[in-house]
Amino acid sequence: SDHTFRTVYPTIAISGSVLYKTTEAGTVNVVDWKEGQNRFVDCTSLKNNNATHSPTSVKDSIGTNQFMCQSNNQSIPDQHDTIRKSSSSHLERLSTDVSTDSNSNEADMRNKAFESYVSSIKSFIAVVFVSVAVMEFSQWFPFNIPGVASAAVKTYIPAGFRYDNEHSRFDNTAWTYNTDYLLTVVMIYLAYKCFKANSMDGCPIRNSASLRLRVYSASLLICYGASTLAGGWAHQHFTSIDSLNTLRFRLFWIVCVGNVSFASCYMGLIGREVQRVFGIKGAVPLGPWWFWPMYGTYMAIATALGYISFKRPACDIFIAGITQFPTTFYCLLALGLRSWPSTSTTGTSTHSSSKKSAIDLVSRCYRIMYYIGFIGNAPLLPMYPLLVQYSGMSLAGINTLL
């Protein structure tokens, strides 16, 4: 209970900020670390030559706290009543303080647990709402881009993994699948470079601090590498409409498009880590770590169930790309909402870099690469239906260009 010692040893008892120590000589030291006071009750002085005294542990009850020394049923001399009363008053106050502190701590813990529970429920509702809303938006947006709507209607025809000779087009030329394979090699190489990147001064503390961001970045690139590898294989080996309607093609295309859909998970985690390390506190919500993995999982499952499937399978990639817009802007805002040191105040030497903060080391060049990398694919969405319907280019040329 609140009135018993939390930890008790044969010679030491600790309760809150109070230390009770019984020495072999029979001395009980009461040390109140909170008040900075030391009190000593010397039971040795109460001994007689023919008696064996053993100081008892503090006898603690809700209303009474006493130190007692027992010696063969002999009574403690009256002249020591003052010491006992003083100790009793002191311990009664300490017991009340410890009880109050303990109750307060337990109440704080219960409040924090409840707040954490409520926050998790809110985050879960938010991720479900955002996932469903973005999926619906991705199906609506291509048909409502100004100047592109008429081309989109002719290009984005839902399929549900059922293809036909009238509307389905799937390029099987070397230009398409070889560029996919090339992209796979590039993505795997860049993933390796991201994961193995070290600070300029080789500081192990900096390298450890950047590990999560490096892992998320490498994982994002591996998703894209897996997507282009599966896509290249499908373009090379599924050469007829009948082959497109097989389970084998469906599995390959789920890997291709599903990895693009699930890539939102790692994009969101990158944005979260950038916000945690570089962002302005409260500028964008940090949220729980599982928010974006749940979002990416929802998109990948929707892909597997055929919600992102069109007569031209290449269209699937562009719709999957639309589902990345929340994580794209999350990443851009996390880095873009803060002010940065001017380039004139930041050097590039290895010696000076060890004294700089993480923010000082993010140069303008890297920030521009970051912004372009995340937003650079956006123009491809309106370009694809326009090129397909009005350019007169072959599918191989369009795929290679994009």
Foldseek 3Di string as FASTA:
>chain_A
DLFDFPDDDPAWTDFDQWIWGADPLGKTWIARVVVRDIDIDRCNVQDDPVWDKDWDDWDTDLPWTWTDIDTPNDHGDPVCVVVGVVVGVVVNVVSVVSSVVVVVVVVVVVVVVVVVVVQVVVLVVVLVVLLVVLLVCLVVVQLPDPPQNVLCVLQFAAALLQADPPRADAAQDCLQLVVLQVLLVVLQVVLVCLQPDADPLNDPVVNVLCNQLSNLSSLLSNLQSQLSNLSSVLSNPQDDSVSSSDPVVLVSLLSNLLSLLLSLLSLQLNLLSLLVAPFDPPQDDNGDNCSRNVSSVSRSVCVSSRSQHGSYSVSSNLSSNSSNVVSLVSNCCSNPVDDADDPVVADDDSVVVVVDGPRSPCDPVNNVVSNCVSCVCVVVSSVVSCCVPPVPDDPSVNSSVD
